[in-house]
């Protein structure tokens, strides 16, 4: 008898709450977080890897980076998958890579060090009347010698335009679009890195100086 007395929430009301939450009207509900859709990348380039050893700085700031808009119903975790692919590409570009997760990476090392940062993550998430959604990732890369003198740096951008999704698909589509944008930014950066004469010259001279 007590089960019959329990109040039931009407199905249409549940559906309304879900839709309002997806549209950004559900600030009272817990915000969901999705991981960016970015599979392990392959970086193929002509020629041999750069003949040197570097320390790769995968700082907490990079690994914990999110697309996180206040009062928006979902967040996208960008950092962990980005850091994984920075490591993969660095190991393709250099003969030997020592990975460091320390925020102080580069300050106490006897090797040149490479760092990567997501400077900006933007998405036109509220364009209800637009036929397209634009997603942009801007990344910064720095390579320095063991005395912190700059060897190379680059700022690269990945931009993706996709058809505007239904409200219930926007979180999934955002994770996909950010993944594609990050992949573009990474590919452009590492292509520039391995083709840099300054970088190859610096590592060619390193054994003679030691």
N, C-alpha and C. Protein backbone atom coordinates (compact mmCIF):
# COMPACT_ATOMS: atom_id res chain seq x y z
N UNK A 1 0.83 -1.20 0.00
CA UNK A 1 0.00 0.00 0.00
C UNK A 1 0.86 1.25 0.00
N UNK A 2 2.00 1.18 0.71
CA UNK A 2 2.86 2.36 0.76
C UNK A 2 3.44 2.65 -0.61
N UNK A 3 3.75 1.61 -1.40
CA UNK A 3 4.28 1.82 -2.74
C UNK A 3 3.30 2.57 -3.61
N UNK A 4 2.01 2.27 -3.43
CA UNK A 4 1.00 2.94 -4.24
C UNK A 4 0.89 4.40 -3.85
N UNK A 5 1.29 4.73 -2.60
CA UNK A 5 1.15 6.10 -2.14
C UNK A 5 2.30 6.98 -2.58
N UNK A 6 3.38 6.38 -3.05
CA UNK A 6 4.53 7.17 -3.48
C UNK A 6 4.18 8.00 -4.70
N UNK A 7 4.63 9.28 -4.66
CA UNK A 7 4.35 10.16 -5.80
C UNK A 7 5.27 9.81 -6.95
N UNK A 8 4.73 9.82 -8.13
CA UNK A 8 5.52 9.55 -9.32
C UNK A 8 5.72 10.85 -10.10
N UNK A 9 6.95 11.03 -10.58
CA UNK A 9 7.23 12.21 -11.39
C UNK A 9 6.76 11.93 -12.81
N UNK A 10 5.89 12.76 -13.35
CA UNK A 10 5.38 12.51 -14.71
C UNK A 10 6.52 12.44 -15.72
N UNK A 11 6.41 11.49 -16.65
CA UNK A 11 7.44 11.32 -17.68
C UNK A 11 7.67 12.60 -18.47
N UNK A 12 6.64 13.35 -18.89
CA UNK A 12 6.89 14.60 -19.62
C UNK A 12 7.73 15.59 -18.82
N UNK A 13 7.56 15.61 -17.49
CA UNK A 13 8.35 16.52 -16.67
C UNK A 13 9.82 16.12 -16.67
N UNK A 14 10.08 14.81 -16.60
CA UNK A 14 11.47 14.33 -16.66
C UNK A 14 12.10 14.74 -17.98
N UNK A 15 11.38 14.56 -19.07
CA UNK A 15 11.90 14.92 -20.39
C UNK A 15 12.19 16.41 -20.46
N UNK A 16 11.31 17.23 -19.86
CA UNK A 16 11.51 18.68 -19.88
C UNK A 16 12.77 19.07 -19.13
N UNK A 17 13.00 18.43 -17.97
CA UNK A 17 14.19 18.73 -17.18
C UNK A 17 15.46 18.39 -17.96
N UNK A 18 15.43 17.24 -18.66
CA UNK A 18 16.60 16.83 -19.44
C UNK A 18 16.89 17.83 -20.55
N UNK A 19 15.85 18.24 -21.27
CA UNK A 19 16.04 19.19 -22.37
C UNK A 19 16.54 20.52 -21.85
N UNK A 20 15.94 21.03 -20.76
CA UNK A 20 16.37 22.31 -20.21
C UNK A 20 17.81 22.25 -19.73
N UNK A 21 18.20 21.11 -19.15
CA UNK A 21 19.58 20.95 -18.70
C UNK A 21 20.54 20.98 -19.87
N UNK A 22 20.17 20.32 -20.96
CA UNK A 22 21.03 20.28 -22.15
C UNK A 22 21.18 21.65 -22.76
N UNK A 23 20.13 22.45 -22.70
CA UNK A 23 20.16 23.79 -23.28
C UNK A 23 20.89 24.79 -22.39
N UNK A 24 21.23 24.40 -21.19
CA UNK A 24 21.94 25.32 -20.31
C UNK A 24 21.08 25.92 -19.24
N UNK A 25 19.87 25.40 -19.05
CA UNK A 25 18.96 25.96 -18.06
C UNK A 25 18.92 25.13 -16.79
N UNK A 26 19.82 24.19 -16.66
CA UNK A 26 19.76 23.29 -15.50
C UNK A 26 20.90 23.52 -14.54
N UNK A 27 21.13 24.79 -14.14
CA UNK A 27 22.25 25.09 -13.27
C UNK A 27 22.14 24.42 -11.91
N UNK A 28 20.92 24.02 -11.54
CA UNK A 28 20.77 23.36 -10.24
C UNK A 28 21.17 21.90 -10.31
N UNK A 29 21.31 21.35 -11.50
CA UNK A 29 21.68 19.95 -11.65
C UNK A 29 23.20 19.82 -11.69
N UNK A 30 23.70 18.63 -11.37
CA UNK A 30 25.14 18.40 -11.43
C UNK A 30 25.61 18.50 -12.87
N UNK A 31 26.71 19.21 -13.08
CA UNK A 31 27.23 19.38 -14.43
C UNK A 31 28.03 18.15 -14.82
N UNK A 32 27.72 17.59 -15.96
CA UNK A 32 28.43 16.41 -16.43
C UNK A 32 29.74 16.82 -17.08
N UNK A 33 30.70 15.90 -17.07
CA UNK A 33 31.98 16.15 -17.71
C UNK A 33 32.29 15.01 -18.67
N UNK A 34 32.68 15.36 -19.88
CA UNK A 34 33.04 14.38 -20.89
C UNK A 34 34.51 14.54 -21.24
N UNK A 35 35.15 13.45 -21.62
CA UNK A 35 36.54 13.49 -22.06
C UNK A 35 36.58 13.73 -23.55
N UNK A 36 37.48 14.60 -23.96
CA UNK A 36 37.62 14.90 -25.38
C UNK A 36 37.89 13.62 -26.17
N UNK A 37 37.32 13.52 -27.36
CA UNK A 37 37.52 12.34 -28.20
C UNK A 37 38.78 12.54 -29.04
N UNK A 38 39.89 12.06 -28.52
CA UNK A 38 41.19 12.22 -29.17
C UNK A 38 41.97 10.92 -28.98
N UNK A 39 42.01 10.12 -30.02
CA UNK A 39 42.71 8.84 -29.97
C UNK A 39 44.22 9.06 -30.07
N UNK A 40 45.04 8.08 -29.64
CA UNK A 40 46.49 8.20 -29.82
C UNK A 40 46.85 8.46 -31.27
N UNK A 41 47.64 9.50 -31.48
CA UNK A 41 47.96 9.95 -32.83
C UNK A 41 49.23 9.27 -33.34
N UNK A 42 49.38 9.28 -34.64
CA UNK A 42 50.61 8.85 -35.29
C UNK A 42 51.20 10.04 -36.02
N UNK A 43 52.49 10.25 -35.81
CA UNK A 43 53.15 11.38 -36.44
C UNK A 43 54.26 10.84 -37.33
N UNK A 44 54.05 10.93 -38.62
CA UNK A 44 55.02 10.44 -39.58
C UNK A 44 55.66 11.63 -40.29
N UNK A 45 56.98 11.64 -40.27
CA UNK A 45 57.69 12.74 -40.93
C UNK A 45 58.91 12.16 -41.64
N UNK A 46 59.32 12.79 -42.72
CA UNK A 46 60.49 12.29 -43.44
C UNK A 46 61.77 12.51 -42.63
N UNK A 47 62.69 11.60 -42.79
CA UNK A 47 63.96 11.75 -42.10
C UNK A 47 63.97 11.13 -40.73
N UNK A 48 65.15 11.18 -40.11
CA UNK A 48 65.34 10.58 -38.80
C UNK A 48 64.85 11.51 -37.70
N UNK A 49 64.56 10.95 -36.52
CA UNK A 49 64.21 11.81 -35.38
C UNK A 49 65.37 12.74 -35.04
N UNK A 50 65.07 13.83 -34.36
CA UNK A 50 66.11 14.76 -33.91
C UNK A 50 67.02 14.02 -32.94
N UNK A 51 68.32 14.09 -33.18
CA UNK A 51 69.28 13.28 -32.43
C UNK A 51 69.63 13.97 -31.11
N UNK A 52 68.76 13.79 -30.13
CA UNK A 52 69.00 14.41 -28.84
C UNK A 52 68.04 13.89 -27.79
N UNK A 53 68.35 14.22 -26.54
CA UNK A 53 67.50 13.85 -25.41
C UNK A 53 66.86 15.11 -24.85
N UNK A 54 65.55 15.05 -24.61
CA UNK A 54 64.85 16.19 -24.01
C UNK A 54 64.05 15.72 -22.80
N UNK A 55 63.76 16.66 -21.94
CA UNK A 55 62.78 16.44 -20.88
C UNK A 55 61.46 17.03 -21.36
N UNK A 56 60.41 16.25 -21.31
CA UNK A 56 59.08 16.70 -21.75
C UNK A 56 58.26 17.08 -20.53
N UNK A 57 57.85 18.34 -20.48
CA UNK A 57 57.12 18.86 -19.33
C UNK A 57 55.61 18.75 -19.57
N UNK A 58 54.99 17.78 -18.93
CA UNK A 58 53.54 17.61 -18.99
C UNK A 58 52.98 18.07 -17.65
N UNK A 59 52.83 19.36 -17.52
CA UNK A 59 52.49 19.97 -16.24
C UNK A 59 51.05 19.69 -15.83
N UNK A 60 50.74 19.81 -14.53
CA UNK A 60 49.34 19.68 -14.10
C UNK A 60 48.42 20.67 -14.81
N UNK A 61 48.94 21.85 -15.12
CA UNK A 61 48.13 22.86 -15.81
C UNK A 61 47.64 22.34 -17.16
N UNK A 62 48.48 21.60 -17.87
CA UNK A 62 48.07 21.01 -19.15
C UNK A 62 47.16 19.82 -18.92
N UNK A 63 47.55 18.91 -18.04
CA UNK A 63 46.80 17.66 -17.87
C UNK A 63 45.39 17.88 -17.31
N UNK A 64 45.19 18.94 -16.56
CA UNK A 64 43.89 19.19 -15.94
C UNK A 64 43.04 20.22 -16.69
N UNK A 65 43.49 20.62 -17.87
CA UNK A 65 42.78 21.68 -18.61
C UNK A 65 41.40 21.21 -19.04
N UNK A 66 40.40 22.10 -18.89
CA UNK A 66 39.03 21.80 -19.28
C UNK A 66 38.46 22.94 -20.11
N UNK A 67 37.44 22.61 -20.91
CA UNK A 67 36.55 23.64 -21.45
C UNK A 67 35.41 23.72 -20.45
N UNK A 68 35.33 24.85 -19.77
CA UNK A 68 34.46 24.94 -18.60
C UNK A 68 33.80 26.32 -18.59
N UNK A 69 32.58 26.39 -19.09
CA UNK A 69 31.84 27.64 -19.18
C UNK A 69 30.84 27.70 -18.02
N UNK A 70 30.88 28.78 -17.27
CA UNK A 70 29.96 28.92 -16.14
C UNK A 70 28.51 28.85 -16.61
N UNK A 71 27.68 28.19 -15.81
CA UNK A 71 26.24 28.05 -16.09
C UNK A 71 25.94 27.22 -17.33
N UNK A 72 26.94 26.50 -17.83
CA UNK A 72 26.72 25.61 -18.97
C UNK A 72 26.55 24.19 -18.43
N UNK A 73 25.71 23.37 -19.02
CA UNK A 73 25.37 22.08 -18.42
C UNK A 73 26.45 21.01 -18.49
N UNK A 74 27.51 21.22 -19.27
CA UNK A 74 28.55 20.19 -19.33
C UNK A 74 29.92 20.83 -19.47
N UNK A 75 30.94 20.03 -19.15
CA UNK A 75 32.34 20.42 -19.29
C UNK A 75 33.04 19.37 -20.15
N UNK A 76 34.13 19.77 -20.81
CA UNK A 76 34.92 18.84 -21.61
C UNK A 76 36.34 18.81 -21.04
N UNK A 77 36.79 17.63 -20.62
CA UNK A 77 38.16 17.45 -20.14
C UNK A 77 39.09 17.35 -21.34
N UNK A 78 39.95 18.33 -21.51
CA UNK A 78 40.84 18.41 -22.67
C UNK A 78 42.24 17.89 -22.37
N UNK A 79 42.71 18.04 -21.14
CA UNK A 79 44.12 17.92 -20.85
C UNK A 79 44.73 16.54 -20.91
N UNK A 80 44.07 15.53 -20.36
CA UNK A 80 44.72 14.22 -20.25
C UNK A 80 45.01 13.61 -21.62
N UNK A 81 44.05 13.68 -22.53
CA UNK A 81 44.27 13.12 -23.87
C UNK A 81 45.28 13.97 -24.66
N UNK A 82 45.24 15.29 -24.44
CA UNK A 82 46.22 16.15 -25.11
C UNK A 82 47.63 15.82 -24.64
N UNK A 83 47.81 15.68 -23.34
CA UNK A 83 49.14 15.36 -22.79
C UNK A 83 49.65 14.02 -23.32
N UNK A 84 48.77 13.03 -23.41
CA UNK A 84 49.17 11.73 -23.95
C UNK A 84 49.69 11.87 -25.36
N UNK A 85 49.02 12.66 -26.18
CA UNK A 85 49.44 12.80 -27.57
C UNK A 85 50.66 13.69 -27.73
N UNK A 86 50.84 14.66 -26.85
CA UNK A 86 52.09 15.43 -26.85
C UNK A 86 53.26 14.48 -26.59
N UNK A 87 53.09 13.56 -25.65
CA UNK A 87 54.14 12.57 -25.35
C UNK A 87 54.41 11.67 -26.56
N UNK A 88 53.35 11.19 -27.20
CA UNK A 88 53.53 10.32 -28.37
C UNK A 88 54.29 11.04 -29.48
N UNK A 89 53.90 12.28 -29.75
CA UNK A 89 54.52 13.02 -30.85
C UNK A 89 55.95 13.41 -30.50
N UNK A 90 56.19 13.76 -29.24
CA UNK A 90 57.56 14.10 -28.84
C UNK A 90 58.49 12.90 -29.00
N UNK A 91 58.00 11.71 -28.66
CA UNK A 91 58.82 10.50 -28.79
C UNK A 91 59.03 10.11 -30.24
N UNK A 92 58.17 10.60 -31.13
CA UNK A 92 58.40 10.40 -32.56
C UNK A 92 59.39 11.41 -33.11
N UNK A 93 59.46 12.58 -32.49
CA UNK A 93 60.30 13.66 -33.02
C UNK A 93 61.73 13.60 -32.50
N UNK A 94 61.95 13.08 -31.27
CA UNK A 94 63.27 13.07 -30.66
C UNK A 94 63.74 11.64 -30.40
N UNK A 95 65.06 11.49 -30.37
CA UNK A 95 65.64 10.16 -30.15
C UNK A 95 65.29 9.63 -28.76
N UNK A 96 65.32 10.49 -27.75
CA UNK A 96 65.02 10.06 -26.38
C UNK A 96 64.24 11.15 -25.66
N UNK A 97 63.19 10.75 -24.94
CA UNK A 97 62.33 11.69 -24.22
C UNK A 97 62.17 11.22 -22.78
N UNK A 98 62.46 12.12 -21.85
CA UNK A 98 62.24 11.86 -20.43
C UNK A 98 60.99 12.65 -20.03
N UNK A 99 59.95 11.94 -19.61
CA UNK A 99 58.67 12.59 -19.31
C UNK A 99 58.65 13.02 -17.85
N UNK A 100 58.24 14.28 -17.62
CA UNK A 100 58.11 14.81 -16.27
C UNK A 100 56.70 15.38 -16.09
N UNK A 101 56.07 15.03 -14.97
CA UNK A 101 54.75 15.55 -14.64
C UNK A 101 54.83 16.63 -13.57
N UNK A 102 56.03 17.05 -13.25
CA UNK A 102 56.26 18.04 -12.20
C UNK A 102 55.99 19.44 -12.75
N UNK A 103 55.31 20.25 -11.96
CA UNK A 103 55.05 21.63 -12.38
C UNK A 103 56.32 22.45 -12.48
N UNK A 104 57.41 22.01 -11.83
CA UNK A 104 58.69 22.72 -11.88
C UNK A 104 59.61 22.14 -12.95
N UNK A 105 59.08 21.37 -13.85
CA UNK A 105 59.88 20.75 -14.92
C UNK A 105 60.66 21.81 -15.68
N UNK A 106 61.91 21.47 -15.97
CA UNK A 106 62.76 22.38 -16.73
C UNK A 106 63.66 23.24 -15.87
N UNK A 107 63.41 23.30 -14.56
CA UNK A 107 64.21 24.15 -13.69
C UNK A 107 65.38 23.41 -13.05
N UNK A 108 65.33 22.09 -13.05
CA UNK A 108 66.39 21.30 -12.41
C UNK A 108 66.71 20.09 -13.28
N UNK A 109 67.18 20.36 -14.47
CA UNK A 109 67.47 19.28 -15.40
C UNK A 109 68.77 19.57 -16.14
N UNK A 110 69.40 18.51 -16.62
CA UNK A 110 70.62 18.67 -17.42
C UNK A 110 70.32 18.44 -18.90
N UNK A 111 69.05 18.51 -19.25
CA UNK A 111 68.64 18.30 -20.64
C UNK A 111 67.81 19.49 -21.13
N UNK A 112 67.79 19.70 -22.43
CA UNK A 112 66.80 20.64 -22.98
C UNK A 112 65.40 20.16 -22.63
N UNK A 113 64.45 21.08 -22.58
CA UNK A 113 63.09 20.70 -22.20
C UNK A 113 62.06 21.33 -23.14
N UNK A 114 60.98 20.58 -23.31
CA UNK A 114 59.88 20.99 -24.18
C UNK A 114 58.60 21.07 -23.36
N UNK A 115 57.86 22.15 -23.52
CA UNK A 115 56.59 22.30 -22.81
C UNK A 115 55.47 22.61 -23.81
N UNK A 116 54.26 22.26 -23.42
CA UNK A 116 53.07 22.53 -24.24
C UNK A 116 51.97 23.08 -23.34
N UNK A 117 51.25 24.07 -23.86
CA UNK A 117 50.18 24.72 -23.09
C UNK A 117 48.98 24.95 -23.99
N UNK A 118 47.79 24.71 -23.47
CA UNK A 118 46.57 25.10 -24.18
C UNK A 118 46.26 26.53 -23.76
N UNK A 119 46.47 27.47 -24.67
CA UNK A 119 46.23 28.88 -24.35
C UNK A 119 44.75 29.22 -24.34
N UNK A 120 44.00 28.66 -25.28
CA UNK A 120 42.58 29.01 -25.39
C UNK A 120 41.80 27.85 -25.98
N UNK A 121 40.58 27.69 -25.49
CA UNK A 121 39.64 26.69 -26.02
C UNK A 121 38.29 27.38 -26.16
N UNK A 122 37.84 27.53 -27.39
CA UNK A 122 36.61 28.29 -27.64
C UNK A 122 35.65 27.49 -28.50
N UNK A 123 34.36 27.68 -28.23
CA UNK A 123 33.31 27.00 -29.00
C UNK A 123 32.04 27.83 -28.99
N UNK A 124 31.42 28.00 -30.17
CA UNK A 124 30.15 28.72 -30.27
C UNK A 124 29.03 27.79 -29.85
N UNK A 125 28.91 27.58 -28.55
CA UNK A 125 27.97 26.57 -28.06
C UNK A 125 26.54 27.05 -27.99
N UNK A 126 26.30 28.37 -28.05
CA UNK A 126 24.94 28.88 -27.86
C UNK A 126 24.33 29.45 -29.13
N UNK A 127 24.87 29.08 -30.28
CA UNK A 127 24.36 29.62 -31.55
C UNK A 127 23.15 28.82 -32.00
N UNK A 128 22.02 29.06 -31.36
CA UNK A 128 20.83 28.27 -31.64
C UNK A 128 20.32 28.46 -33.06
N UNK A 129 20.54 29.64 -33.63
CA UNK A 129 20.02 29.93 -34.96
C UNK A 129 21.07 29.75 -36.05
N UNK A 130 22.28 29.37 -35.67
CA UNK A 130 23.36 29.23 -36.64
C UNK A 130 23.36 27.83 -37.23
N UNK A 131 23.76 27.73 -38.49
CA UNK A 131 23.85 26.42 -39.15
C UNK A 131 25.15 25.70 -38.81
N UNK A 132 26.13 26.43 -38.25
CA UNK A 132 27.42 25.84 -37.94
C UNK A 132 27.86 26.21 -36.52
N UNK A 133 28.71 25.36 -35.97
CA UNK A 133 29.37 25.65 -34.71
C UNK A 133 30.87 25.64 -34.96
N UNK A 134 31.57 26.65 -34.44
CA UNK A 134 33.01 26.76 -34.63
C UNK A 134 33.73 26.44 -33.33
N UNK A 135 34.75 25.61 -33.44
CA UNK A 135 35.55 25.19 -32.29
C UNK A 135 37.01 25.49 -32.59
N UNK A 136 37.69 26.16 -31.66
CA UNK A 136 39.08 26.55 -31.87
C UNK A 136 39.93 26.22 -30.64
N UNK A 137 41.07 25.63 -30.90
CA UNK A 137 42.08 25.38 -29.86
C UNK A 137 43.35 26.13 -30.24
N UNK A 138 43.90 26.88 -29.30
CA UNK A 138 45.18 27.57 -29.51
C UNK A 138 46.19 27.01 -28.51
N UNK A 139 47.34 26.56 -29.03
CA UNK A 139 48.36 25.95 -28.19
C UNK A 139 49.70 26.66 -28.36
N UNK A 140 50.48 26.62 -27.29
CA UNK A 140 51.82 27.21 -27.31
C UNK A 140 52.84 26.13 -26.94
N UNK A 141 53.94 26.12 -27.67
CA UNK A 141 55.01 25.15 -27.44
C UNK A 141 56.33 25.91 -27.28
N UNK A 142 57.15 25.44 -26.33
CA UNK A 142 58.45 26.07 -26.10
C UNK A 142 59.51 24.98 -25.91
N UNK A 143 60.62 25.15 -26.60
CA UNK A 143 61.77 24.27 -26.44
C UNK A 143 62.94 25.13 -26.00
N UNK A 144 63.55 24.76 -24.87
CA UNK A 144 64.67 25.53 -24.33
C UNK A 144 65.83 24.60 -24.02
N UNK A 145 67.05 25.17 -23.95
CA UNK A 145 68.19 24.34 -23.60
C UNK A 145 68.26 24.17 -22.08
N UNK A 146 69.28 23.46 -21.61
CA UNK A 146 69.35 23.15 -20.18
C UNK A 146 69.64 24.37 -19.31
N UNK A 147 69.97 25.50 -19.94
CA UNK A 147 70.12 26.76 -19.21
C UNK A 147 68.92 27.67 -19.38
N UNK A 148 67.84 27.11 -19.93
CA UNK A 148 66.57 27.83 -20.14
C UNK A 148 66.65 28.89 -21.23
N UNK A 149 67.67 28.80 -22.09
CA UNK A 149 67.72 29.70 -23.24
C UNK A 149 66.81 29.15 -24.33
N UNK A 150 65.97 29.99 -24.92
CA UNK A 150 65.02 29.49 -25.93
C UNK A 150 65.71 28.96 -27.18
N UNK A 151 65.25 27.82 -27.65
CA UNK A 151 65.71 27.25 -28.91
C UNK A 151 64.65 27.43 -29.99
N UNK A 152 63.42 27.19 -29.62
CA UNK A 152 62.31 27.23 -30.58
C UNK A 152 61.01 27.44 -29.83
N UNK A 153 60.07 28.11 -30.47
CA UNK A 153 58.73 28.25 -29.90
C UNK A 153 57.73 28.39 -31.03
N UNK A 154 56.49 28.04 -30.74
CA UNK A 154 55.44 28.15 -31.76
C UNK A 154 54.09 28.27 -31.08
N UNK A 155 53.21 29.00 -31.73
CA UNK A 155 51.81 29.06 -31.33
C UNK A 155 50.99 28.55 -32.51
N UNK A 156 50.24 27.49 -32.30
CA UNK A 156 49.47 26.89 -33.39
C UNK A 156 48.00 26.85 -33.01
N UNK A 157 47.18 26.77 -34.04
CA UNK A 157 45.73 26.80 -33.83
C UNK A 157 45.06 25.72 -34.67
N UNK A 158 44.08 25.07 -34.07
CA UNK A 158 43.24 24.13 -34.80
C UNK A 158 41.81 24.63 -34.77
N UNK A 159 41.18 24.71 -35.93
CA UNK A 159 39.82 25.23 -36.02
C UNK A 159 38.94 24.22 -36.76
N UNK A 160 37.78 23.93 -36.20
CA UNK A 160 36.83 23.00 -36.79
C UNK A 160 35.45 23.66 -36.87
N UNK A 161 34.81 23.56 -38.04
CA UNK A 161 33.43 23.99 -38.21
C UNK A 161 32.58 22.75 -38.45
N UNK A 162 31.50 22.62 -37.70
CA UNK A 162 30.64 21.46 -37.83
C UNK A 162 29.19 21.91 -37.86
N UNK A 163 28.31 21.10 -38.45
CA UNK A 163 26.88 21.44 -38.46
C UNK A 163 26.35 21.57 -37.04
N UNK A 164 25.52 22.54 -36.81
CA UNK A 164 24.92 22.72 -35.50
C UNK A 164 24.11 21.49 -35.11
N UNK A 165 24.36 20.97 -33.91
CA UNK A 165 23.75 19.72 -33.47
C UNK A 165 22.44 19.95 -32.74
N UNK A 166 21.65 18.89 -32.64
CA UNK A 166 20.48 18.92 -31.78
C UNK A 166 20.93 19.11 -30.33
N UNK A 167 20.12 19.75 -29.50
CA UNK A 167 20.52 19.99 -28.11
C UNK A 167 21.01 18.74 -27.39
N UNK A 168 20.37 17.62 -27.62
CA UNK A 168 20.75 16.39 -26.92
C UNK A 168 22.06 15.79 -27.42
N UNK A 169 22.59 16.30 -28.54
CA UNK A 169 23.84 15.77 -29.11
C UNK A 169 25.01 16.71 -28.92
N UNK A 170 24.79 17.88 -28.33
CA UNK A 170 25.84 18.89 -28.31
C UNK A 170 27.05 18.51 -27.47
N UNK A 171 26.84 17.82 -26.37
CA UNK A 171 27.98 17.44 -25.54
C UNK A 171 28.87 16.46 -26.28
N UNK A 172 28.28 15.46 -26.93
CA UNK A 172 29.06 14.49 -27.70
C UNK A 172 29.77 15.17 -28.86
N UNK A 173 29.07 16.07 -29.54
CA UNK A 173 29.67 16.75 -30.69
C UNK A 173 30.81 17.66 -30.25
N UNK A 174 30.66 18.30 -29.10
CA UNK A 174 31.73 19.16 -28.59
C UNK A 174 32.99 18.35 -28.31
N UNK A 175 32.84 17.17 -27.71
CA UNK A 175 33.99 16.31 -27.42
C UNK A 175 34.69 15.90 -28.71
N UNK A 176 33.93 15.62 -29.76
CA UNK A 176 34.50 15.25 -31.05
C UNK A 176 35.23 16.43 -31.70
N UNK A 177 34.57 17.59 -31.71
CA UNK A 177 35.15 18.76 -32.38
C UNK A 177 36.41 19.24 -31.68
N UNK A 178 36.41 19.26 -30.36
CA UNK A 178 37.62 19.66 -29.65
C UNK A 178 38.76 18.68 -29.93
N UNK A 179 38.46 17.39 -30.04
CA UNK A 179 39.49 16.42 -30.37
C UNK A 179 40.12 16.68 -31.73
N UNK A 180 39.30 16.98 -32.72
CA UNK A 180 39.82 17.27 -34.05
C UNK A 180 40.64 18.55 -34.05
N UNK A 181 40.19 19.56 -33.31
CA UNK A 181 40.92 20.83 -33.26
C UNK A 181 42.28 20.66 -32.58
N UNK A 182 42.32 19.89 -31.49
CA UNK A 182 43.59 19.64 -30.81
C UNK A 182 44.55 18.88 -31.71
N UNK A 183 44.05 17.88 -32.43
CA UNK A 183 44.89 17.11 -33.34
C UNK A 183 45.53 18.00 -34.40
N UNK A 184 44.76 18.93 -34.94
CA UNK A 184 45.31 19.86 -35.94
C UNK A 184 46.41 20.73 -35.34
N UNK A 185 46.16 21.27 -34.14
CA UNK A 185 47.16 22.13 -33.50
C UNK A 185 48.45 21.35 -33.21
N UNK A 186 48.32 20.11 -32.76
CA UNK A 186 49.50 19.30 -32.46
C UNK A 186 50.28 18.94 -33.72
N UNK A 187 49.58 18.52 -34.75
CA UNK A 187 50.26 18.16 -36.00
C UNK A 187 51.03 19.34 -36.56
N UNK A 188 50.43 20.51 -36.54
CA UNK A 188 51.11 21.70 -37.09
C UNK A 188 52.35 22.05 -36.27
N UNK A 189 52.24 21.94 -34.96
CA UNK A 189 53.38 22.29 -34.11
C UNK A 189 54.55 21.34 -34.32
N UNK A 190 54.28 20.04 -34.31
CA UNK A 190 55.39 19.09 -34.41
C UNK A 190 55.96 19.02 -35.82
N UNK A 191 55.17 19.32 -36.83
CA UNK A 191 55.71 19.43 -38.19
C UNK A 191 56.70 20.59 -38.25
N UNK A 192 56.31 21.72 -37.65
CA UNK A 192 57.21 22.87 -37.62
C UNK A 192 58.47 22.57 -36.81
N UNK A 193 58.30 21.83 -35.72
CA UNK A 193 59.44 21.51 -34.86
C UNK A 193 60.48 20.67 -35.59
N UNK A 194 60.06 19.58 -36.22
CA UNK A 194 61.04 18.69 -36.85
C UNK A 194 61.65 19.30 -38.11
N UNK A 195 60.97 20.30 -38.69
CA UNK A 195 61.50 20.95 -39.88
C UNK A 195 62.35 22.17 -39.55
N UNK A 196 62.48 22.50 -38.27
CA UNK A 196 63.22 23.69 -37.86
C UNK A 196 64.73 23.46 -37.94
N UNK A 197 65.40 24.28 -38.72
CA UNK A 197 66.86 24.20 -38.82
C UNK A 197 67.51 24.59 -37.50
N UNK A 198 66.89 25.55 -36.79
CA UNK A 198 67.45 25.98 -35.50
C UNK A 198 67.46 24.83 -34.50
N UNK A 199 66.40 24.04 -34.50
CA UNK A 199 66.32 22.92 -33.56
C UNK A 199 67.37 21.87 -33.89
N UNK A 200 67.45 21.48 -35.15
CA UNK A 200 68.42 20.44 -35.52
C UNK A 200 69.85 20.91 -35.32
N UNK A 201 70.11 22.18 -35.58
CA UNK A 201 71.45 22.71 -35.36
C UNK A 201 71.81 22.71 -33.88
N UNK A 202 70.85 23.07 -33.03
CA UNK A 202 71.11 23.10 -31.59
C UNK A 202 71.48 21.72 -31.06
N UNK A 203 70.80 20.69 -31.54
CA UNK A 203 71.09 19.35 -31.04
C UNK A 203 72.31 18.74 -31.72
N UNK A 204 72.62 19.19 -32.91
CA UNK A 204 73.83 18.71 -33.58
C UNK A 204 75.07 19.22 -32.85
N UNK A 205 74.97 20.44 -32.29
CA UNK A 205 76.11 21.04 -31.60
C UNK A 205 76.21 20.59 -30.15
N UNK A 206 75.12 20.03 -29.60
CA UNK A 206 75.10 19.70 -28.17
C UNK A 206 76.19 18.73 -27.74
N UNK A 207 76.46 17.62 -28.48
CA UNK A 207 77.50 16.69 -28.02
C UNK A 207 78.88 17.33 -27.96
N UNK A 208 79.19 18.28 -28.89
CA UNK A 208 80.50 18.91 -28.90
C UNK A 208 80.68 19.84 -27.71
N UNK A 209 79.57 20.44 -27.25
CA UNK A 209 79.66 21.39 -26.16
C UNK A 209 79.76 20.70 -24.80
N UNK A 210 79.38 19.43 -24.72
CA UNK A 210 79.37 18.73 -23.42
C UNK A 210 80.73 18.11 -23.13
